[in-house]
PDB file of N, CA and C in Angstrom:
ATOM      1  N   UNK A   1      -3.259   6.792  16.725  1.00  0.00           N
ATOM      2  CA  UNK A   1      -4.396   6.908  15.848  1.00  0.00           C
ATOM      3  C   UNK A   1      -5.558   7.547  16.436  1.00  0.00           C
ATOM      4  N   UNK A   2      -6.217   8.472  15.862  1.00  0.00           N
ATOM      5  CA  UNK A   2      -7.443   9.144  16.529  1.00  0.00           C
ATOM      6  C   UNK A   2      -8.415   8.167  16.885  1.00  0.00           C
ATOM      7  N   UNK A   3      -9.459   8.535  17.576  1.00  0.00           N
ATOM      8  CA  UNK A   3     -10.458   7.661  18.065  1.00  0.00           C
ATOM      9  C   UNK A   3     -11.330   7.070  16.737  1.00  0.00           C
ATOM     10  N   UNK A   4     -11.132   5.686  16.501  1.00  0.00           N
ATOM     11  CA  UNK A   4     -11.738   5.097  15.538  1.00  0.00           C
ATOM     12  C   UNK A   4     -12.719   3.884  15.979  1.00  0.00           C
ATOM     13  N   UNK A   5     -13.728   3.642  15.164  1.00  0.00           N
ATOM     14  CA  UNK A   5     -14.676   2.544  15.591  1.00  0.00           C
ATOM     15  C   UNK A   5     -13.941   1.227  15.639  1.00  0.00           C
ATOM     16  N   UNK A   6     -14.399   0.272  16.345  1.00  0.00           N
ATOM     17  CA  UNK A   6     -13.821  -1.113  16.536  1.00  0.00           C
ATOM     18  C   UNK A   6     -13.863  -1.629  15.020  1.00  0.00           C
ATOM     19  N   UNK A   7     -14.806  -1.446  14.216  1.00  0.00           N
ATOM     20  CA  UNK A   7     -14.958  -1.987  12.885  1.00  0.00           C
ATOM     21  C   UNK A   7     -13.765  -1.482  11.912  1.00  0.00           C
ATOM     22  N   UNK A   8     -13.629  -0.238  12.123  1.00  0.00           N
ATOM     23  CA  UNK A   8     -12.505   0.579  11.367  1.00  0.00           C
ATOM     24  C   UNK A   8     -11.264  -0.004  11.800  1.00  0.00           C
ATOM     25  N   UNK A   9     -10.989  -0.114  13.054  1.00  0.00           N
ATOM     26  CA  UNK A   9      -9.813  -0.576  13.596  1.00  0.00           C
ATOM     27  C   UNK A   9      -9.459  -2.076  13.095  1.00  0.00           C
ATOM     28  N   UNK A  10     -10.358  -2.825  12.987  1.00  0.00           N
ATOM     29  CA  UNK A  10     -10.244  -4.261  12.507  1.00  0.00           C
ATOM     30  C   UNK A  10      -9.907  -4.138  11.151  1.00  0.00           C
ATOM     31  N   UNK A  11     -10.505  -3.354  10.383  1.00  0.00           N
ATOM     32  CA  UNK A  11     -10.207  -3.205   8.885  1.00  0.00           C
ATOM     33  C   UNK A  11      -8.971  -2.793   8.618  1.00  0.00           C
ATOM     34  N   UNK A  12      -8.472  -1.639   9.426  1.00  0.00           N
ATOM     35  CA  UNK A  12      -7.159  -1.239   9.287  1.00  0.00           C
ATOM     36  C   UNK A  12      -6.022  -2.220   9.601  1.00  0.00           C
ATOM     37  N   UNK A  13      -6.202  -2.984  10.820  1.00  0.00           N
ATOM     38  CA  UNK A  13      -5.276  -4.083  10.967  1.00  0.00           C
ATOM     39  C   UNK A  13      -5.392  -5.030   9.986  1.00  0.00           C
ATOM     40  N   UNK A  14      -6.361  -5.531   9.451  1.00  0.00           N
ATOM     41  CA  UNK A  14      -6.394  -6.433   8.309  1.00  0.00           C
ATOM     42  C   UNK A  14      -5.623  -5.912   7.166  1.00  0.00           C
ATOM     43  N   UNK A  15      -5.779  -4.609   6.778  1.00  0.00           N
ATOM     44  CA  UNK A  15      -4.930  -4.153   5.791  1.00  0.00           C
ATOM     45  C   UNK A  15      -3.583  -4.033   5.963  1.00  0.00           C
ATOM     46  N   UNK A  16      -3.136  -3.674   7.221  1.00  0.00           N
ATOM     47  CA  UNK A  16      -1.737  -3.658   7.541  1.00  0.00           C
ATOM     48  C   UNK A  16      -1.042  -5.027   7.510  1.00  0.00           C
ATOM     49  N   UNK A  17      -1.814  -6.004   8.097  1.00  0.00           N
ATOM     50  CA  UNK A  17      -1.274  -7.211   8.078  1.00  0.00           C
ATOM     51  C   UNK A  17      -1.076  -7.849   6.585  1.00  0.00           C
ATOM     52  N   UNK A  18      -2.077  -7.602   5.634  1.00  0.00           N
ATOM     53  CA  UNK A  18      -1.952  -7.949   4.381  1.00  0.00           C
ATOM     54  C   UNK A  18      -0.802  -7.318   3.638  1.00  0.00           C
ATOM     55  N   UNK A  19      -0.637  -6.066   3.916  1.00  0.00           N
ATOM     56  CA  UNK A  19       0.340  -5.327   3.109  1.00  0.00           C
ATOM     57  C   UNK A  19       1.933  -5.773   3.538  1.00  0.00           C
ATOM     58  N   UNK A  20       1.886  -6.186   4.997  1.00  0.00           N
ATOM     59  CA  UNK A  20       3.209  -6.740   5.365  1.00  0.00           C
ATOM     60  C   UNK A  20       3.642  -8.028   4.679  1.00  0.00           C
ATOM     61  N   UNK A  21       2.636  -8.680   3.955  1.00  0.00           N
ATOM     62  CA  UNK A  21       3.045  -9.852   3.216  1.00  0.00           C
ATOM     63  C   UNK A  21       3.539  -9.500   1.852  1.00  0.00           C
ATOM     64  N   UNK A  22       3.468  -8.334   1.278  1.00  0.00           N
ATOM     65  CA  UNK A  22       3.843  -8.107  -0.014  1.00  0.00           C
ATOM     66  C   UNK A  22       5.445  -8.155  -0.014  1.00  0.00           C
ATOM     67  N   UNK A  23       6.046  -9.024  -0.990  1.00  0.00           N
ATOM     68  CA  UNK A  23       7.243  -9.275  -0.805  1.00  0.00           C
ATOM     69  C   UNK A  23       8.291  -8.101  -1.299  1.00  0.00           C
ATOM     70  N   UNK A  24       9.492  -7.989  -0.966  1.00  0.00           N
ATOM     71  CA  UNK A  24      10.409  -7.159  -1.443  1.00  0.00           C
ATOM     72  C   UNK A  24      10.445  -7.330  -2.893  1.00  0.00           C
ATOM     73  N   UNK A  25      10.449  -6.042  -3.664  1.00  0.00           N
ATOM     74  CA  UNK A  25      10.704  -6.160  -5.098  1.00  0.00           C
ATOM     75  C   UNK A  25       9.351  -6.439  -5.939  1.00  0.00           C
ATOM     76  N   UNK A  26       8.220  -6.421  -5.107  1.00  0.00           N
ATOM     77  CA  UNK A  26       6.921  -6.604  -5.701  1.00  0.00           C
ATOM     78  C   UNK A  26       6.004  -5.569  -5.383  1.00  0.00           C
ATOM     79  N   UNK A  27       4.879  -5.420  -6.113  1.00  0.00           N
ATOM     80  CA  UNK A  27       3.828  -4.470  -5.830  1.00  0.00           C
ATOM     81  C   UNK A  27       2.331  -5.138  -5.771  1.00  0.00           C
ATOM     82  N   UNK A  28       1.462  -4.566  -5.281  1.00  0.00           N
ATOM     83  CA  UNK A  28       0.040  -4.971  -5.519  1.00  0.00           C
ATOM     84  C   UNK A  28      -0.691  -3.770  -5.523  1.00  0.00           C
ATOM     85  N   UNK A  29      -2.029  -4.031  -5.603  1.00  0.00           N
ATOM     86  CA  UNK A  29      -3.014  -2.827  -5.849  1.00  0.00           C
ATOM     87  C   UNK A  29      -3.779  -2.614  -4.545  1.00  0.00           C
ATOM     88  N   UNK A  30      -4.529  -1.515  -4.498  1.00  0.00           N
ATOM     89  CA  UNK A  30      -5.439  -1.298  -3.338  1.00  0.00           C
ATOM     90  C   UNK A  30      -6.486  -2.210  -3.512  1.00  0.00           C
ATOM     91  N   UNK A  31      -7.029  -2.451  -4.564  1.00  0.00           N
ATOM     92  CA  UNK A  31      -8.165  -3.408  -4.935  1.00  0.00           C
ATOM     93  C   UNK A  31      -7.747  -4.867  -4.368  1.00  0.00           C
ATOM     94  N   UNK A  32      -6.497  -5.233  -4.669  1.00  0.00           N
ATOM     95  CA  UNK A  32      -6.025  -6.570  -4.392  1.00  0.00           C
ATOM     96  C   UNK A  32      -6.089  -6.760  -2.944  1.00  0.00           C
ATOM     97  N   UNK A  33      -5.510  -5.793  -2.142  1.00  0.00           N
ATOM     98  CA  UNK A  33      -5.507  -5.885  -0.800  1.00  0.00           C
ATOM     99  C   UNK A  33      -6.902  -6.105  -0.137  1.00  0.00           C
ATOM    100  N   UNK A  34      -7.814  -5.131  -0.812  1.00  0.00           N
ATOM    101  CA  UNK A  34      -9.338  -5.276  -0.345  1.00  0.00           C
ATOM    102  C   UNK A  34      -9.636  -6.650  -0.693  1.00  0.00           C
ATOM    103  N   UNK A  35      -9.371  -7.273  -1.789  1.00  0.00           N
ATOM    104  CA  UNK A  35      -9.838  -8.684  -2.202  1.00  0.00           C
ATOM    105  C   UNK A  35      -9.244  -9.680  -0.930  1.00  0.00           C
ATOM    106  N   UNK A  36      -8.062  -9.524  -0.802  1.00  0.00           N
ATOM    107  CA  UNK A  36      -7.353 -10.517   0.194  1.00  0.00           C
ATOM    108  C   UNK A  36      -7.924 -10.434   1.579  1.00  0.00           C
ATOM    109  N   UNK A  37      -8.497  -9.276   1.930  1.00  0.00           N
ATOM    110  CA  UNK A  37      -9.037  -9.180   3.227  1.00  0.00           C
ATOM    111  C   UNK A  37     -10.533  -9.242   3.316  1.00  0.00           C
ATOM    112  N   UNK A  38     -11.117  -9.713   2.204  1.00  0.00           N
ATOM    113  CA  UNK A  38     -12.636  -9.981   2.163  1.00  0.00           C
ATOM    114  C   UNK A  38     -13.361  -8.720   1.864  1.00  0.00           C
ATOM    115  N   UNK A  39     -12.774  -7.553   1.509  1.00  0.00           N
ATOM    116  CA  UNK A  39     -13.599  -6.365   1.073  1.00  0.00           C
ATOM    117  C   UNK A  39     -13.141  -5.798  -0.208  1.00  0.00           C
ATOM    118  N   UNK A  40     -13.418  -6.426  -1.351  1.00  0.00           N
ATOM    119  CA  UNK A  40     -12.998  -6.125  -2.565  1.00  0.00           C
ATOM    120  C   UNK A  40     -13.599  -4.841  -3.135  1.00  0.00           C
ATOM    121  N   UNK A  41     -14.610  -4.451  -2.525  1.00  0.00           N
ATOM    122  CA  UNK A  41     -15.326  -3.228  -2.922  1.00  0.00           C
ATOM    123  C   UNK A  41     -14.761  -1.905  -2.130  1.00  0.00           C
ATOM    124  N   UNK A  42     -13.767  -2.078  -1.417  1.00  0.00           N
ATOM    125  CA  UNK A  42     -13.251  -1.113  -0.609  1.00  0.00           C
ATOM    126  C   UNK A  42     -11.782  -0.713  -1.012  1.00  0.00           C
ATOM    127  N   UNK A  43     -11.374  -0.488  -2.204  1.00  0.00           N
ATOM    128  CA  UNK A  43      -9.896  -0.065  -2.415  1.00  0.00           C
ATOM    129  C   UNK A  43      -9.583   1.327  -1.911  1.00  0.00           C
ATOM    130  N   UNK A  44     -10.602   2.309  -1.867  1.00  0.00           N
ATOM    131  CA  UNK A  44     -10.366   3.507  -1.442  1.00  0.00           C
ATOM    132  C   UNK A  44     -10.065   3.553   0.027  1.00  0.00           C
ATOM    133  N   UNK A  45     -10.836   2.769   0.741  1.00  0.00           N
ATOM    134  CA  UNK A  45     -10.629   2.529   2.289  1.00  0.00           C
ATOM    135  C   UNK A  45      -9.316   1.945   2.584  1.00  0.00           C
ATOM    136  N   UNK A  46      -8.780   0.973   1.741  1.00  0.00           N
ATOM    137  CA  UNK A  46      -7.360   0.472   1.900  1.00  0.00           C
ATOM    138  C   UNK A  46      -6.414   1.602   1.713  1.00  0.00           C
ATOM    139  N   UNK A  47      -6.626   2.573   0.863  1.00  0.00           N
ATOM    140  CA  UNK A  47      -5.843   3.636   0.551  1.00  0.00           C
ATOM    141  C   UNK A  47      -5.868   4.667   1.894  1.00  0.00           C
ATOM    142  N   UNK A  48      -7.030   4.738   2.348  1.00  0.00           N
ATOM    143  CA  UNK A  48      -7.208   5.544   3.667  1.00  0.00           C
ATOM    144  C   UNK A  48      -6.333   5.064   4.739  1.00  0.00           C
ATOM    145  N   UNK A  49      -6.442   3.684   4.893  1.00  0.00           N
ATOM    146  CA  UNK A  49      -5.762   2.983   5.878  1.00  0.00           C
ATOM    147  C   UNK A  49      -4.240   3.206   5.838  1.00  0.00           C
ATOM    148  N   UNK A  50      -3.680   3.266   4.649  1.00  0.00           N
ATOM    149  CA  UNK A  50      -2.295   3.445   4.426  1.00  0.00           C
ATOM    150  C   UNK A  50      -2.028   4.984   4.744  1.00  0.00           C
ATOM    151  N   UNK A  51      -2.882   5.894   4.232  1.00  0.00           N
ATOM    152  CA  UNK A  51      -2.684   7.283   4.443  1.00  0.00           C
ATOM    153  C   UNK A  51      -2.549   7.625   5.973  1.00  0.00           C
ATOM    154  N   UNK A  52      -3.308   7.015   6.819  1.00  0.00           N
ATOM    155  CA  UNK A  52      -3.220   7.356   8.273  1.00  0.00           C
ATOM    156  C   UNK A  52      -2.258   6.475   9.037  1.00  0.00           C
ATOM    157  N   UNK A  53      -1.472   5.591   8.298  1.00  0.00           N
ATOM    158  CA  UNK A  53      -0.504   4.838   8.973  1.00  0.00           C
ATOM    159  C   UNK A  53       0.500   5.703   9.787  1.00  0.00           C
ATOM    160  N   UNK A  54       0.697   5.180  11.046  1.00  0.00           N
ATOM    161  CA  UNK A  54       1.509   5.929  12.065  1.00  0.00           C
ATOM    162  C   UNK A  54       2.995   6.258  11.688  1.00  0.00           C
ATOM    163  N   UNK A  55       3.555   7.176  11.882  1.00  0.00           N
ATOM    164  CA  UNK A  55       4.910   7.454  11.788  1.00  0.00           C
ATOM    165  C   UNK A  55       5.715   7.186  13.055  1.00  0.00           C
ATOM    166  N   UNK A  56       4.994   6.860  14.109  1.00  0.00           N
ATOM    167  CA  UNK A  56       5.435   6.502  15.429  1.00  0.00           C
ATOM    168  C   UNK A  56       5.882   4.902  15.299  1.00  0.00           C
ATOM    169  N   UNK A  57       7.156   4.713  15.389  1.00  0.00           N
ATOM    170  CA  UNK A  57       7.757   3.489  15.401  1.00  0.00           C
ATOM    171  C   UNK A  57       7.403   2.545  16.690  1.00  0.00           C
ATOM    172  N   UNK A  58       6.931   3.290  17.702  1.00  0.00           N
ATOM    173  CA  UNK A  58       6.586   2.475  18.877  1.00  0.00           C
ATOM    174  C   UNK A  58       5.146   1.883  18.708  1.00  0.00           C
ATOM    175  N   UNK A  59       4.327   2.236  17.682  1.00  0.00           N
ATOM    176  CA  UNK A  59       3.167   1.717  17.320  1.00  0.00           C
ATOM    177  C   UNK A  59       3.339   0.335  16.749  1.00  0.00           C
ATOM    178  N   UNK A  60       2.386  -0.546  17.060  1.00  0.00           N
ATOM    179  CA  UNK A  60       2.407  -1.907  16.389  1.00  0.00           C
ATOM    180  C   UNK A  60       2.530  -1.907  14.801  1.00  0.00           C
ATOM    181  N   UNK A  61       1.815  -1.078  14.232  1.00  0.00           N
ATOM    182  CA  UNK A  61       1.751  -0.762  12.731  1.00  0.00           C
ATOM    183  C   UNK A  61       2.311   0.601  12.524  1.00  0.00           C
ATOM    184  N   UNK A  62       3.257   0.701  11.649  1.00  0.00           N
ATOM    185  CA  UNK A  62       3.814   1.999  11.386  1.00  0.00           C
ATOM    186  C   UNK A  62       4.421   2.069  10.001  1.00  0.00           C
ATOM    187  N   UNK A  63       4.767   3.205   9.403  1.00  0.00           N
ATOM    188  CA  UNK A  63       5.294   3.356   8.217  1.00  0.00           C
ATOM    189  C   UNK A  63       6.598   2.896   7.808  1.00  0.00           C
ATOM    190  N   UNK A  64       7.228   2.171   8.841  1.00  0.00           N
ATOM    191  CA  UNK A  64       8.450   1.367   8.648  1.00  0.00           C
ATOM    192  C   UNK A  64       8.170  -0.095   8.388  1.00  0.00           C
ATOM    193  N   UNK A  65       7.332  -0.717   9.391  1.00  0.00           N
ATOM    194  CA  UNK A  65       7.102  -2.036   9.315  1.00  0.00           C
ATOM    195  C   UNK A  65       5.904  -2.557   8.440  1.00  0.00           C
ATOM    196  N   UNK A  66       5.218  -1.572   7.810  1.00  0.00           N
ATOM    197  CA  UNK A  66       4.161  -1.855   6.929  1.00  0.00           C
ATOM    198  C   UNK A  66       4.569  -1.141   5.580  1.00  0.00           C
ATOM    199  N   UNK A  67       4.925  -1.927   4.601  1.00  0.00           N
ATOM    200  CA  UNK A  67       5.637  -1.491   3.278  1.00  0.00           C
ATOM    201  C   UNK A  67       4.484  -0.897   2.394  1.00  0.00           C
ATOM    202  N   UNK A  68       3.878   0.301   2.957  1.00  0.00           N
ATOM    203  CA  UNK A  68       2.840   1.050   2.204  1.00  0.00           C
ATOM    204  C   UNK A  68       3.215   1.356   0.710  1.00  0.00           C
ATOM    205  N   UNK A  69       4.496   1.567   0.454  1.00  0.00           N
ATOM    206  CA  UNK A  69       4.828   2.035  -0.816  1.00  0.00           C
ATOM    207  C   UNK A  69       4.640   0.912  -1.769  1.00  0.00           C
ATOM    208  N   UNK A  70       4.410  -0.261  -1.543  1.00  0.00           N
ATOM    209  CA  UNK A  70       4.285  -1.436  -2.254  1.00  0.00           C
ATOM    210  C   UNK A  70       2.916  -1.619  -2.878  1.00  0.00           C
ATOM    211  N   UNK A  71       2.103  -0.738  -2.473  1.00  0.00           N
ATOM    212  CA  UNK A  71       0.591  -0.721  -2.931  1.00  0.00           C
ATOM    213  C   UNK A  71       0.357   0.514  -3.887  1.00  0.00           C
ATOM    214  N   UNK A  72      -0.212   0.164  -4.986  1.00  0.00           N
ATOM    215  CA  UNK A  72      -0.299   1.095  -6.156  1.00  0.00           C
ATOM    216  C   UNK A  72      -1.641   0.977  -6.811  1.00  0.00           C
ATOM    217  N   UNK A  73      -2.004   1.963  -7.561  1.00  0.00           N
ATOM    218  CA  UNK A  73      -3.104   1.885  -8.252  1.00  0.00           C
ATOM    219  C   UNK A  73      -3.425   0.633  -9.239  1.00  0.00           C
ATOM    220  N   UNK A  74      -4.623   0.365  -9.417  1.00  0.00           N
ATOM    221  CA  UNK A  74      -4.872  -0.884 -10.491  1.00  0.00           C
ATOM    222  C   UNK A  74      -4.312  -0.567 -11.921  1.00  0.00           C
ATOM    223  N   UNK A  75      -4.073   0.787 -12.163  1.00  0.00           N
ATOM    224  CA  UNK A  75      -3.440   1.071 -13.493  1.00  0.00           C
ATOM    225  C   UNK A  75      -2.011   0.914 -13.514  1.00  0.00           C
ATOM    226  N   UNK A  76      -1.416   0.456 -12.339  1.00  0.00           N
ATOM    227  CA  UNK A  76       0.005   0.374 -12.165  1.00  0.00           C
ATOM    228  C   UNK A  76       0.681   1.623 -11.968  1.00  0.00           C
ATOM    229  N   UNK A  77       0.091   2.661 -11.356  1.00  0.00           N
ATOM    230  CA  UNK A  77       0.600   3.919 -11.214  1.00  0.00           C
ATOM    231  C   UNK A  77       0.636   4.221  -9.571  1.00  0.00           C
ATOM    232  N   UNK A  78       1.757   5.160  -9.325  1.00  0.00           N
ATOM    233  CA  UNK A  78       1.624   5.653  -8.004  1.00  0.00           C
ATOM    234  C   UNK A  78       0.520   6.676  -7.881  1.00  0.00           C
ATOM    235  N   UNK A  79      -0.322   6.533  -6.856  1.00  0.00           N
ATOM    236  CA  UNK A  79      -1.518   7.479  -6.883  1.00  0.00           C
ATOM    237  C   UNK A  79      -1.101   8.697  -6.449  1.00  0.00           C
ATOM    238  N   UNK A  80      -1.732   9.795  -6.994  1.00  0.00           N
ATOM    239  CA  UNK A  80      -1.277  11.158  -6.664  1.00  0.00           C
ATOM    240  C   UNK A  80      -1.848  11.379  -5.210  1.00  0.00           C
ATOM    241  N   UNK A  81      -1.262  12.318  -4.550  1.00  0.00           N
ATOM    242  CA  UNK A  81      -1.723  12.753  -3.229  1.00  0.00           C
ATOM    243  C   UNK A  81      -2.077  14.250  -3.442  1.00  0.00           C
ATOM    244  N   UNK A  82      -3.094  14.717  -2.631  1.00  0.00           N
ATOM    245  CA  UNK A  82      -3.621  16.075  -2.536  1.00  0.00           C
ATOM    246  C   UNK A  82      -2.682  16.926  -1.613  1.00  0.00           C
ATOM    247  N   UNK A  83      -1.802  16.359  -0.892  1.00  0.00           N
ATOM    248  CA  UNK A  83      -0.984  17.235   0.007  1.00  0.00           C
ATOM    249  C   UNK A  83       0.077  18.030  -0.657  1.00  0.00           C
ATOM    250  N   UNK A  84       0.570  17.532  -1.755  1.00  0.00           N
ATOM    251  CA  UNK A  84       1.648  18.190  -2.486  1.00  0.00           C
ATOM    252  C   UNK A  84       3.026  18.102  -1.698  1.00  0.00           C
ATOM    253  N   UNK A  85       3.064  17.185  -0.885  1.00  0.00           N
ATOM    254  CA  UNK A  85       4.328  17.032   0.184  1.00  0.00           C
ATOM    255  C   UNK A  85       5.385  16.287  -0.423  1.00  0.00           C
ATOM    256  N   UNK A  86       5.322  15.840  -1.683  1.00  0.00           N
ATOM    257  CA  UNK A  86       6.411  14.935  -2.267  1.00  0.00           C
ATOM    258  C   UNK A  86       6.260  13.474  -1.910  1.00  0.00           C
ATOM    259  N   UNK A  87       5.141  12.983  -1.588  1.00  0.00           N
ATOM    260  CA  UNK A  87       4.946  11.600  -1.226  1.00  0.00           C
ATOM    261  C   UNK A  87       5.063  10.841  -2.277  1.00  0.00           C
ATOM    262  N   UNK A  88       4.694  11.174  -3.539  1.00  0.00           N
ATOM    263  CA  UNK A  88       4.696  10.318  -4.644  1.00  0.00           C
ATOM    264  C   UNK A  88       6.194  10.115  -5.045  1.00  0.00           C
ATOM    265  N   UNK A  89       7.091  11.256  -4.841  1.00  0.00           N
ATOM    266  CA  UNK A  89       8.492  10.972  -5.060  1.00  0.00           C
ATOM    267  C   UNK A  89       9.148  10.086  -4.156  1.00  0.00           C
ATOM    268  N   UNK A  90       8.575  10.118  -2.813  1.00  0.00           N
ATOM    269  CA  UNK A  90       9.196   9.251  -1.623  1.00  0.00           C
ATOM    270  C   UNK A  90       8.671   7.813  -2.062  1.00  0.00           C
ATOM    271  N   UNK A  91       7.452   7.605  -2.457  1.00  0.00           N
ATOM    272  CA  UNK A  91       7.070   6.302  -2.735  1.00  0.00           C
ATOM    273  C   UNK A  91       7.957   5.612  -3.929  1.00  0.00           C
ATOM    274  N   UNK A  92       8.045   6.572  -5.000  1.00  0.00           N
ATOM    275  CA  UNK A  92       8.963   6.093  -6.150  1.00  0.00           C
ATOM    276  C   UNK A  92      10.350   5.734  -5.717  1.00  0.00           C
ATOM    277  N   UNK A  93      10.929   6.542  -4.912  1.00  0.00           N
ATOM    278  CA  UNK A  93      12.304   6.222  -4.339  1.00  0.00           C
ATOM    279  C   UNK A  93      12.286   4.850  -3.741  1.00  0.00           C
ATOM    280  N   UNK A  94      11.399   4.772  -2.754  1.00  0.00           N
ATOM    281  CA  UNK A  94      11.217   3.433  -1.881  1.00  0.00           C
ATOM    282  C   UNK A  94      11.203   2.321  -2.746  1.00  0.00           C
ATOM    283  N   UNK A  95      10.352   2.437  -3.928  1.00  0.00           N
ATOM    284  CA  UNK A  95      10.086   1.295  -4.757  1.00  0.00           C
ATOM    285  C   UNK A  95      11.415   0.940  -5.496  1.00  0.00           C
ATOM    286  N   UNK A  96      12.022   2.014  -5.894  1.00  0.00           N
ATOM    287  CA  UNK A  96      13.417   1.783  -6.732  1.00  0.00           C
ATOM    288  C   UNK A  96      14.305   1.060  -5.660  1.00  0.00           C
ATOM    289  N   UNK A  97      14.475   1.611  -4.428  1.00  0.00           N
ATOM    290  CA  UNK A  97      15.368   0.893  -3.378  1.00  0.00           C
ATOM    291  C   UNK A  97      14.987  -0.580  -3.431  1.00  0.00           C
ATOM    292  N   UNK A  98      13.622  -0.932  -3.499  1.00  0.00           N
ATOM    293  CA  UNK A  98      13.274  -2.303  -3.531  1.00  0.00           C
ATOM    294  C   UNK A  98      13.604  -3.277  -4.734  1.00  0.00           C
ATOM    295  N   UNK A  99      13.999  -2.400  -5.840  1.00  0.00           N
ATOM    296  CA  UNK A  99      14.346  -3.000  -7.045  1.00  0.00           C
ATOM    297  C   UNK A  99      13.337  -3.026  -7.994  1.00  0.00           C
ATOM    298  N   UNK A 100      12.277  -2.389  -7.800  1.00  0.00           N
ATOM    299  CA  UNK A 100      11.205  -2.168  -8.683  1.00  0.00           C
ATOM    300  C   UNK A 100      11.516  -0.956  -9.570  1.00  0.00           C
ATOM    301  N   UNK A 101      11.389  -1.315 -11.022  1.00  0.00           N
ATOM    302  CA  UNK A 101      11.437  -0.264 -12.031  1.00  0.00           C
ATOM    303  C   UNK A 101      10.207   0.632 -12.057  1.00  0.00           C
ATOM    304  N   UNK A 102      10.462   1.959 -11.987  1.00  0.00           N
ATOM    305  CA  UNK A 102       9.394   2.943 -12.063  1.00  0.00           C
ATOM    306  C   UNK A 102       9.731   3.786 -13.115  1.00  0.00           C
ATOM    307  N   UNK A 103       8.649   3.940 -14.087  1.00  0.00           N
ATOM    308  CA  UNK A 103       9.031   4.858 -15.216  1.00  0.00           C
ATOM    309  C   UNK A 103       8.914   6.316 -14.717  1.00  0.00           C
ATOM    310  N   UNK A 104       9.741   7.119 -14.901  1.00  0.00           N
ATOM    311  CA  UNK A 104       9.775   8.502 -14.388  1.00  0.00           C
ATOM    312  C   UNK A 104       8.932   9.384 -15.265  1.00  0.00           C
ATOM    313  N   UNK A 105       8.543  10.397 -14.721  1.00  0.00           N
ATOM    314  CA  UNK A 105       7.585  11.369 -15.498  1.00  0.00           C
ATOM    315  C   UNK A 105       6.311  11.389 -14.747  1.00  0.00           C
ATOM    316  N   UNK A 106       5.326  12.141 -15.323  1.00  0.00           N
ATOM    317  CA  UNK A 106       4.123  12.288 -14.607  1.00  0.00           C
ATOM    318  C   UNK A 106       3.362  11.055 -14.217  1.00  0.00           C
ATOM    319  N   UNK A 107       3.411  10.064 -14.945  1.00  0.00           N
ATOM    320  CA  UNK A 107       2.622   8.852 -14.691  1.00  0.00           C
ATOM    321  C   UNK A 107       3.252   7.804 -13.683  1.00  0.00           C
ATOM    322  N   UNK A 108       4.556   7.880 -13.503  1.00  0.00           N
ATOM    323  CA  UNK A 108       5.225   7.066 -12.544  1.00  0.00           C
ATOM    324  C   UNK A 108       4.463   5.519 -12.566  1.00  0.00           C
ATOM    325  N   UNK A 109       4.697   4.887 -13.663  1.00  0.00           N
ATOM    326  CA  UNK A 109       4.100   3.530 -13.861  1.00  0.00           C
ATOM    327  C   UNK A 109       5.072   2.352 -13.483  1.00  0.00           C
ATOM    328  N   UNK A 110       4.318   1.365 -13.028  1.00  0.00           N
ATOM    329  CA  UNK A 110       5.110   0.175 -12.756  1.00  0.00           C
ATOM    330  C   UNK A 110       4.471  -0.993 -13.560  1.00  0.00           C
ATOM    331  N   UNK A 111       5.407  -1.895 -14.024  1.00  0.00           N
ATOM    332  CA  UNK A 111       4.852  -2.961 -14.869  1.00  0.00           C
ATOM    333  C   UNK A 111       4.267  -4.103 -13.899  1.00  0.00           C
ATOM    334  N   UNK A 112       2.950  -4.234 -13.945  1.00  0.00           N
ATOM    335  CA  UNK A 112       2.293  -5.094 -13.084  1.00  0.00           C
ATOM    336  C   UNK A 112       2.504  -6.514 -13.504  1.00  0.00           C
ATOM    337  N   UNK A 113       2.736  -6.891 -14.741  1.00  0.00           N
ATOM    338  CA  UNK A 113       3.106  -8.044 -15.274  1.00  0.00           C
ATOM    339  C   UNK A 113       4.358  -8.479 -14.646  1.00  0.00           C
ATOM    340  N   UNK A 114       5.420  -7.598 -14.660  1.00  0.00           N
ATOM    341  CA  UNK A 114       6.788  -7.952 -14.116  1.00  0.00           C
ATOM    342  C   UNK A 114       6.823  -8.013 -12.539  1.00  0.00           C
ATOM    343  N   UNK A 115       6.178  -7.052 -11.895  1.00  0.00           N
ATOM    344  CA  UNK A 115       6.336  -6.781 -10.512  1.00  0.00           C
ATOM    345  C   UNK A 115       5.055  -7.132  -9.619  1.00  0.00           C
ATOM    346  N   UNK A 116       3.967  -7.341 -10.300  1.00  0.00           N
ATOM    347  CA  UNK A 116       2.730  -7.409  -9.563  1.00  0.00           C
ATOM    348  C   UNK A 116       2.759  -8.812  -8.599  1.00  0.00           C
ATOM    349  N   UNK A 117       2.051  -8.627  -7.430  1.00  0.00           N
ATOM    350  CA  UNK A 117       2.045  -9.857  -6.499  1.00  0.00           C
ATOM    351  C   UNK A 117       0.516  -9.897  -6.272  1.00  0.00           C
ATOM    352  N   UNK A 118      -0.206 -10.990  -6.834  1.00  0.00           N
ATOM    353  CA  UNK A 118      -1.536 -11.133  -6.733  1.00  0.00           C
ATOM    354  C   UNK A 118      -1.890 -12.554  -6.325  1.00  0.00           C
ATOM    355  N   UNK A 119      -1.643 -12.995  -5.043  1.00  0.00           N
ATOM    356  CA  UNK A 119      -2.018 -14.263  -4.484  1.00  0.00           C
ATOM    357  C   UNK A 119      -3.488 -14.511  -4.432  1.00  0.00           C
ATOM    358  N   UNK A 120      -3.919 -15.567  -4.387  1.00  0.00           N
ATOM    359  CA  UNK A 120      -5.491 -15.951  -4.200  1.00  0.00           C
ATOM    360  C   UNK A 120      -5.721 -15.761  -2.704  1.00  0.00           C
ATOM    361  N   UNK A 121      -4.819 -15.936  -1.793  1.00  0.00           N
ATOM    362  CA  UNK A 121      -5.033 -15.713  -0.379  1.00  0.00           C
ATOM    363  C   UNK A 121      -3.804 -15.416   0.462  1.00  0.00           C
ATOM    364  N   UNK A 122      -3.921 -14.929   1.571  1.00  0.00           N
ATOM    365  CA  UNK A 122      -2.871 -14.533   2.333  1.00  0.00           C
ATOM    366  C   UNK A 122      -2.342 -15.698   3.164  1.00  0.00           C
ATOM    367  N   UNK A 123      -1.074 -15.752   3.491  1.00  0.00           N
ATOM    368  CA  UNK A 123      -0.338 -16.750   4.329  1.00  0.00           C
ATOM    369  C   UNK A 123      -0.727 -16.414   5.768  1.00  0.00           C
ATOM    370  N   UNK A 124      -1.090 -17.506   6.537  1.00  0.00           N
ATOM    371  CA  UNK A 124      -1.462 -17.179   7.940  1.00  0.00           C
ATOM    372  C   UNK A 124      -0.375 -16.974   8.849  1.00  0.00           C
TER     373      UNK A 124
END
């Protein structure tokens, strides 16, 4: 990860630890991860933390051991990416592999009533 402030590194670490608790077959929202780590006003920063997640499996937190694909928008949608690199399709496939139903098409919606994970606090 590029040079980040200690505050940013602490925030990213909190995000990654929280996302690691999202169970298989469930999803949560960027905003709820923010709520769980004491930063409910920062859902976009949660998204940024997941966006910069390392692909290097030698790193403590990486895109294999942090299930980033289980975090979606508050509207129950897979958030669009600006890169155009097929990330939305990849996220949809990962969710379906987890057993989460995703409506296909432009919206790629997940039923938050059925698959949502919204605990009041994290397990230590």
